[in-house]
């Protein structure tokens, strides 16, 4: 059976730019009461948090804290793209 699950993208999804580098932050509902967090860098590398967040705001706080504590470079992958 094909997986045709549709996720609703949160209005808190956004682009974050720091030090000339950009990330596309996608926060979407998992259709089970939680919120998923996925981040794409400028090379289309993807970083996905395994656990769902209780709220879309919690997901946004997590990405902001990650960038603040570890720097944006921790979410930038190789130029040739891929999954991080």
C-alpha atoms as a PDB file:
ATOM      1  CA  UNK A   1       0.000   0.000   0.000  1.00  0.00           C
ATOM      2  CA  UNK A   2       1.497   3.381  -0.967  1.00  0.00           C
ATOM      3  CA  UNK A   3       2.258   5.866   1.765  1.00  0.00           C
ATOM      4  CA  UNK A   4       0.138   8.897   0.925  1.00  0.00           C
ATOM      5  CA  UNK A   5       0.293  10.509   4.349  1.00  0.00           C
ATOM      6  CA  UNK A   6       0.200  14.276   4.078  1.00  0.00           C
ATOM      7  CA  UNK A   7       1.906  16.406   6.675  1.00  0.00           C
ATOM      8  CA  UNK A   8       0.855  19.946   7.512  1.00  0.00           C
ATOM      9  CA  UNK A   9       3.728  22.411   7.439  1.00  0.00           C
ATOM     10  CA  UNK A  10       3.793  24.741  10.431  1.00  0.00           C
ATOM     11  CA  UNK A  11       3.735  28.513   9.909  1.00  0.00           C
ATOM     12  CA  UNK A  12       6.805  28.490  12.190  1.00  0.00           C
ATOM     13  CA  UNK A  13       8.822  26.893   9.374  1.00  0.00           C
ATOM     14  CA  UNK A  14      11.341  29.372   8.055  1.00  0.00           C
ATOM     15  CA  UNK A  15      14.718  30.100   6.540  1.00  0.00           C
ATOM     16  CA  UNK A  16      17.487  30.881   8.996  1.00  0.00           C
ATOM     17  CA  UNK A  17      20.603  32.690   7.827  1.00  0.00           C
ATOM     18  CA  UNK A  18      23.821  33.096   9.790  1.00  0.00           C
ATOM     19  CA  UNK A  19      27.364  33.900   8.669  1.00  0.00           C
ATOM     20  CA  UNK A  20      26.218  33.925   5.031  1.00  0.00           C
ATOM     21  CA  UNK A  21      24.843  30.370   5.280  1.00  0.00           C
ATOM     22  CA  UNK A  22      21.169  29.443   4.960  1.00  0.00           C
ATOM     23  CA  UNK A  23      19.050  26.652   6.391  1.00  0.00           C
ATOM     24  CA  UNK A  24      15.461  25.831   5.458  1.00  0.00           C
ATOM     25  CA  UNK A  25      13.669  24.717   8.627  1.00  0.00           C
ATOM     26  CA  UNK A  26      10.565  22.593   8.111  1.00  0.00           C
ATOM     27  CA  UNK A  27       8.330  21.867  11.076  1.00  0.00           C
ATOM     28  CA  UNK A  28       5.398  19.610  10.244  1.00  0.00           C
ATOM     29  CA  UNK A  29       2.726  17.793  12.164  1.00  0.00           C
ATOM     30  CA  UNK A  30       3.118  14.005  12.284  1.00  0.00           C
ATOM     31  CA  UNK A  31      -0.636  13.300  12.330  1.00  0.00           C
ATOM     32  CA  UNK A  32      -0.206  11.699  15.759  1.00  0.00           C
ATOM     33  CA  UNK A  33      -0.167  14.739  18.014  1.00  0.00           C
ATOM     34  CA  UNK A  34       3.511  15.580  17.594  1.00  0.00           C
ATOM     35  CA  UNK A  35       5.692  17.808  15.456  1.00  0.00           C
ATOM     36  CA  UNK A  36       8.608  16.768  13.230  1.00  0.00           C
ATOM     37  CA  UNK A  37      11.734  18.833  12.609  1.00  0.00           C
ATOM     38  CA  UNK A  38      13.796  18.623   9.422  1.00  0.00           C
ATOM     39  CA  UNK A  39      16.465  21.061   8.289  1.00  0.00           C
ATOM     40  CA  UNK A  40      17.856  21.427   4.767  1.00  0.00           C
ATOM     41  CA  UNK A  41      21.115  23.218   4.040  1.00  0.00           C
ATOM     42  CA  UNK A  42      21.944  25.121   0.862  1.00  0.00           C
ATOM     43  CA  UNK A  43      23.216  21.886  -0.748  1.00  0.00           C
ATOM     44  CA  UNK A  44      19.941  20.066   0.018  1.00  0.00           C
ATOM     45  CA  UNK A  45      21.488  17.945   2.765  1.00  0.00           C
ATOM     46  CA  UNK A  46      18.872  17.000   5.326  1.00  0.00           C
ATOM     47  CA  UNK A  47      19.067  16.667   9.093  1.00  0.00           C
ATOM     48  CA  UNK A  48      16.040  15.063  10.746  1.00  0.00           C
ATOM     49  CA  UNK A  49      15.349  14.860  14.466  1.00  0.00           C
ATOM     50  CA  UNK A  50      14.236  11.316  15.291  1.00  0.00           C
ATOM     51  CA  UNK A  51      11.822  12.156  18.084  1.00  0.00           C
ATOM     52  CA  UNK A  52       8.680  14.212  17.635  1.00  0.00           C
ATOM     53  CA  UNK A  53       8.211  17.411  19.634  1.00  0.00           C
ATOM     54  CA  UNK A  54       5.125  18.157  21.733  1.00  0.00           C
ATOM     55  CA  UNK A  55       4.574  21.477  19.987  1.00  0.00           C
ATOM     56  CA  UNK A  56       5.743  23.289  16.895  1.00  0.00           C
ATOM     57  CA  UNK A  57       7.225  25.956  19.180  1.00  0.00           C
ATOM     58  CA  UNK A  58       9.325  23.275  20.937  1.00  0.00           C
ATOM     59  CA  UNK A  59      10.719  22.232  17.554  1.00  0.00           C
ATOM     60  CA  UNK A  60      11.612  25.832  16.723  1.00  0.00           C
ATOM     61  CA  UNK A  61      13.261  26.279  20.133  1.00  0.00           C
ATOM     62  CA  UNK A  62      15.340  23.143  19.461  1.00  0.00           C
ATOM     63  CA  UNK A  63      16.748  24.361  16.150  1.00  0.00           C
ATOM     64  CA  UNK A  64      17.449  27.811  17.567  1.00  0.00           C
ATOM     65  CA  UNK A  65      19.247  26.278  20.570  1.00  0.00           C
ATOM     66  CA  UNK A  66      21.248  23.940  18.331  1.00  0.00           C
ATOM     67  CA  UNK A  67      22.462  26.827  16.178  1.00  0.00           C
ATOM     68  CA  UNK A  68      23.206  28.988  19.216  1.00  0.00           C
ATOM     69  CA  UNK A  69      25.133  26.247  21.065  1.00  0.00           C
ATOM     70  CA  UNK A  70      26.843  24.382  18.201  1.00  0.00           C
ATOM     71  CA  UNK A  71      26.859  26.911  15.367  1.00  0.00           C
ATOM     72  CA  UNK A  72      25.168  26.749  11.990  1.00  0.00           C
ATOM     73  CA  UNK A  73      28.057  24.722  10.511  1.00  0.00           C
ATOM     74  CA  UNK A  74      26.945  21.640  12.451  1.00  0.00           C
ATOM     75  CA  UNK A  75      23.941  21.498  10.107  1.00  0.00           C
ATOM     76  CA  UNK A  76      25.814  22.117   6.846  1.00  0.00           C
ATOM     77  CA  UNK A  77      26.735  18.975   4.933  1.00  0.00           C
ATOM     78  CA  UNK A  78      28.856  18.232   1.871  1.00  0.00           C
ATOM     79  CA  UNK A  79      28.458  20.209  -1.353  1.00  0.00           C
ATOM     80  CA  UNK A  80      27.352  17.119  -3.318  1.00  0.00           C
ATOM     81  CA  UNK A  81      24.172  16.718  -1.199  1.00  0.00           C
ATOM     82  CA  UNK A  82      22.953  13.742   0.781  1.00  0.00           C
ATOM     83  CA  UNK A  83      21.451  12.855   4.110  1.00  0.00           C
ATOM     84  CA  UNK A  84      23.346  13.905   7.229  1.00  0.00           C
END
